[in-house]
C-alpha atoms as a PDB file:
ATOM      1  CA  GLN A   1     -57.440   5.263 -19.986  1.00  0.00           C
ATOM      2  CA  VAL A   2     -54.947   7.958 -20.950  1.00  0.00           C
ATOM      3  CA  GLN A   3     -53.496   8.195 -24.456  1.00  0.00           C
ATOM      4  CA  LEU A   4     -50.787  10.347 -26.010  1.00  0.00           C
ATOM      5  CA  VAL A   5     -51.050  10.575 -29.783  1.00  0.00           C
ATOM      6  CA  GLU A   6     -48.325  12.201 -31.877  1.00  0.00           C
ATOM      7  CA  SER A   7     -48.693  13.598 -35.370  1.00  0.00           C
ATOM      8  CA  GLY A   8     -46.675  15.614 -37.853  1.00  0.00           C
ATOM      9  CA  GLY A   9     -43.685  13.454 -38.663  1.00  0.00           C
ATOM     10  CA  GLY A  10     -42.452  12.818 -42.173  1.00  0.00           C
ATOM     11  CA  LEU A  11     -39.645  13.261 -44.664  1.00  0.00           C
ATOM     12  CA  VAL A  12     -37.927  16.621 -45.005  1.00  0.00           C
ATOM     13  CA  GLN A  13     -34.784  17.866 -46.704  1.00  0.00           C
ATOM     14  CA  PRO A  14     -31.816  19.138 -44.692  1.00  0.00           C
ATOM     15  CA  GLY A  15     -32.423  22.716 -43.643  1.00  0.00           C
ATOM     16  CA  GLY A  16     -36.167  22.240 -43.697  1.00  0.00           C
ATOM     17  CA  SER A  17     -38.773  22.433 -40.940  1.00  0.00           C
ATOM     18  CA  LEU A  18     -41.349  20.144 -39.373  1.00  0.00           C
ATOM     19  CA  SER A  19     -43.873  20.634 -36.621  1.00  0.00           C
ATOM     20  CA  LEU A  20     -44.875  17.800 -34.291  1.00  0.00           C
ATOM     21  CA  SER A  21     -48.007  17.729 -32.173  1.00  0.00           C
ATOM     22  CA  CYS A  22     -49.048  15.498 -29.298  1.00  0.00           C
ATOM     23  CA  ALA A  23     -52.533  15.305 -27.851  1.00  0.00           C
ATOM     24  CA  ALA A  24     -53.291  13.837 -24.444  1.00  0.00           C
ATOM     25  CA  SER A  25     -56.739  12.392 -23.931  1.00  0.00           C
ATOM     26  CA  GLY A  26     -58.643  10.479 -21.274  1.00  0.00           C
ATOM     27  CA  SER A  27     -59.838  11.128 -17.733  1.00  0.00           C
ATOM     28  CA  ILE A  28     -57.099  13.647 -17.051  1.00  0.00           C
ATOM     29  CA  VAL A  29     -57.045  15.625 -13.840  1.00  0.00           C
ATOM     30  CA  SER A  30     -53.871  17.540 -14.553  1.00  0.00           C
ATOM     31  CA  ILE A  31     -50.681  17.336 -16.613  1.00  0.00           C
ATOM     32  CA  GLY A  32     -47.239  18.113 -15.289  1.00  0.00           C
ATOM     33  CA  THR A  33     -44.094  18.166 -17.364  1.00  0.00           C
ATOM     34  CA  MET A  34     -44.481  17.311 -21.053  1.00  0.00           C
ATOM     35  CA  ALA A  35     -41.538  16.355 -23.210  1.00  0.00           C
ATOM     36  CA  TRP A  36     -40.267  15.089 -26.535  1.00  0.00           C
ATOM     37  CA  TYR A  37     -37.692  12.315 -26.857  1.00  0.00           C
ATOM     38  CA  GLN A  38     -35.911  10.951 -29.908  1.00  0.00           C
ATOM     39  CA  GLN A  39     -34.623   7.481 -30.627  1.00  0.00           C
ATOM     40  CA  ALA A  40     -32.383   6.897 -33.617  1.00  0.00           C
ATOM     41  CA  PRO A  41     -31.730   3.370 -34.940  1.00  0.00           C
ATOM     42  CA  GLY A  42     -29.385   1.496 -32.641  1.00  0.00           C
ATOM     43  CA  LYS A  43     -29.337   4.283 -30.056  1.00  0.00           C
ATOM     44  CA  GLN A  44     -30.983   4.909 -26.712  1.00  0.00           C
ATOM     45  CA  ARG A  45     -33.986   7.148 -26.361  1.00  0.00           C
ATOM     46  CA  GLU A  46     -32.841  10.667 -25.496  1.00  0.00           C
ATOM     47  CA  LEU A  47     -34.535  13.803 -24.224  1.00  0.00           C
ATOM     48  CA  VAL A  48     -34.966  16.497 -26.883  1.00  0.00           C
ATOM     49  CA  ALA A  49     -36.950  19.097 -24.962  1.00  0.00           C
ATOM     50  CA  SER A  50     -39.263  19.406 -21.990  1.00  0.00           C
ATOM     51  CA  ILE A  51     -41.701  21.997 -20.711  1.00  0.00           C
ATOM     52  CA  SER A  52     -43.149  22.240 -17.216  1.00  0.00           C
ATOM     53  CA  SER A  53     -46.758  23.042 -16.414  1.00  0.00           C
ATOM     54  CA  SER A  54     -45.688  26.625 -15.708  1.00  0.00           C
ATOM     55  CA  GLY A  55     -43.837  26.905 -19.016  1.00  0.00           C
ATOM     56  CA  TRP A  56     -40.205  26.404 -17.980  1.00  0.00           C
ATOM     57  CA  LYS A  57     -38.343  24.888 -20.933  1.00  0.00           C
ATOM     58  CA  ASN A  58     -35.285  22.694 -21.220  1.00  0.00           C
ATOM     59  CA  TYR A  59     -33.486  21.647 -24.413  1.00  0.00           C
ATOM     60  CA  ALA A  60     -30.805  19.188 -25.388  1.00  0.00           C
ATOM     61  CA  ASP A  61     -27.649  21.010 -26.495  1.00  0.00           C
ATOM     62  CA  SER A  62     -27.950  19.470 -29.958  1.00  0.00           C
ATOM     63  CA  VAL A  63     -31.257  21.240 -30.668  1.00  0.00           C
ATOM     64  CA  LYS A  64     -30.845  24.574 -28.873  1.00  0.00           C
ATOM     65  CA  GLY A  65     -31.629  27.446 -31.210  1.00  0.00           C
ATOM     66  CA  ARG A  66     -33.291  25.149 -33.757  1.00  0.00           C
ATOM     67  CA  PHE A  67     -36.192  23.468 -31.932  1.00  0.00           C
ATOM     68  CA  THR A  68     -38.943  25.086 -29.887  1.00  0.00           C
ATOM     69  CA  ILE A  69     -41.248  23.288 -27.477  1.00  0.00           C
ATOM     70  CA  SER A  70     -44.607  24.737 -26.487  1.00  0.00           C
ATOM     71  CA  ARG A  71     -47.838  23.577 -24.923  1.00  0.00           C
ATOM     72  CA  ASP A  72     -51.509  24.461 -24.804  1.00  0.00           C
ATOM     73  CA  ASN A  73     -52.869  23.574 -21.386  1.00  0.00           C
ATOM     74  CA  THR A  74     -56.458  24.226 -22.477  1.00  0.00           C
ATOM     75  CA  LYS A  75     -56.156  21.529 -25.138  1.00  0.00           C
ATOM     76  CA  ASN A  76     -53.795  19.146 -23.310  1.00  0.00           C
ATOM     77  CA  MET A  77     -51.326  19.405 -26.166  1.00  0.00           C
ATOM     78  CA  VAL A  78     -47.592  19.795 -26.594  1.00  0.00           C
ATOM     79  CA  TYR A  79     -45.804  20.853 -29.744  1.00  0.00           C
ATOM     80  CA  LEU A  80     -42.284  20.695 -31.155  1.00  0.00           C
ATOM     81  CA  GLN A  81     -41.303  23.121 -33.893  1.00  0.00           C
ATOM     82  CA  MET A  82     -38.164  21.848 -35.597  1.00  0.00           C
ATOM     83  CA  ASN A  83     -36.206  24.200 -37.855  1.00  0.00           C
ATOM     84  CA  SER A  84     -32.872  23.897 -39.659  1.00  0.00           C
ATOM     85  CA  LEU A  85     -33.206  20.137 -39.575  1.00  0.00           C
ATOM     86  CA  LYS A  86     -30.094  18.004 -40.010  1.00  0.00           C
ATOM     87  CA  PRO A  87     -29.701  14.371 -41.110  1.00  0.00           C
ATOM     88  CA  GLU A  88     -28.661  13.520 -37.549  1.00  0.00           C
ATOM     89  CA  ASP A  89     -32.122  14.619 -36.347  1.00  0.00           C
ATOM     90  CA  THR A  90     -33.521  11.534 -38.075  1.00  0.00           C
ATOM     91  CA  ALA A  91     -35.256   9.436 -35.426  1.00  0.00           C
ATOM     92  CA  VAL A  92     -38.552   8.322 -34.024  1.00  0.00           C
ATOM     93  CA  TYR A  93     -39.885  11.127 -31.842  1.00  0.00           C
ATOM     94  CA  TYR A  94     -41.900  10.217 -28.760  1.00  0.00           C
ATOM     95  CA  CYS A  95     -44.193  12.377 -26.689  1.00  0.00           C
ATOM     96  CA  ASN A  96     -43.963  11.937 -22.912  1.00  0.00           C
ATOM     97  CA  ALA A  97     -45.988  13.412 -20.084  1.00  0.00           C
ATOM     98  CA  ASP A  98     -46.629  13.174 -16.350  1.00  0.00           C
ATOM     99  CA  ILE A  99     -50.386  12.883 -16.064  1.00  0.00           C
ATOM    100  CA  ALA A 100     -52.609  12.750 -13.021  1.00  0.00           C
ATOM    101  CA  VAL A 101     -55.705  10.586 -13.255  1.00  0.00           C
ATOM    102  CA  ARG A 102     -56.169   8.833  -9.903  1.00  0.00           C
ATOM    103  CA  GLY A 103     -52.484   9.276  -9.215  1.00  0.00           C
ATOM    104  CA  LEU A 104     -49.517  10.692 -11.090  1.00  0.00           C
ATOM    105  CA  ARG A 105     -48.088   8.460 -13.791  1.00  0.00           C
ATOM    106  CA  ASN A 106     -45.696   8.831 -16.695  1.00  0.00           C
ATOM    107  CA  TYR A 107     -47.055   8.114 -20.174  1.00  0.00           C
ATOM    108  CA  TRP A 108     -45.535   7.618 -23.639  1.00  0.00           C
ATOM    109  CA  GLY A 109     -46.959   8.100 -27.095  1.00  0.00           C
ATOM    110  CA  GLN A 110     -46.481   5.579 -29.894  1.00  0.00           C
ATOM    111  CA  GLY A 111     -43.888   7.674 -31.710  1.00  0.00           C
ATOM    112  CA  THR A 112     -43.702   9.423 -35.057  1.00  0.00           C
ATOM    113  CA  GLN A 113     -40.902   9.038 -37.601  1.00  0.00           C
ATOM    114  CA  VAL A 114     -38.891  12.060 -38.681  1.00  0.00           C
ATOM    115  CA  THR A 115     -36.497  11.535 -41.570  1.00  0.00           C
ATOM    116  CA  VAL A 116     -34.142  14.262 -42.735  1.00  0.00           C
ATOM    117  CA  SER A 117     -32.647  13.371 -46.079  1.00  0.00           C
ATOM    118  CA  SER A 118     -32.021  14.795 -49.518  1.00  0.00           C
END
């Protein structure tokens, strides 16, 4: 059984920073691409940032220069550092990863709420 567990969400004022973490656990053989998605109320889930197993990173235009994705392959973790937060960043943030156990499958975390408001 593989689990992705996010942590680090909360309430922050505009211009502030938050750091999200996601830990993968279970009988993991290897992890491929890891990513963060956001879903605002009434909107579809959208990719925020992704990072390959070799460290290649991709960002949504809306977060370039403000958010940084990183991973620690020794700990099976992925992180999202969010700076200069805006009210429009308010959403539930989900961790996502391609994980090999007996075969390769895509997994989602349960989500963590990020609210940017004064």
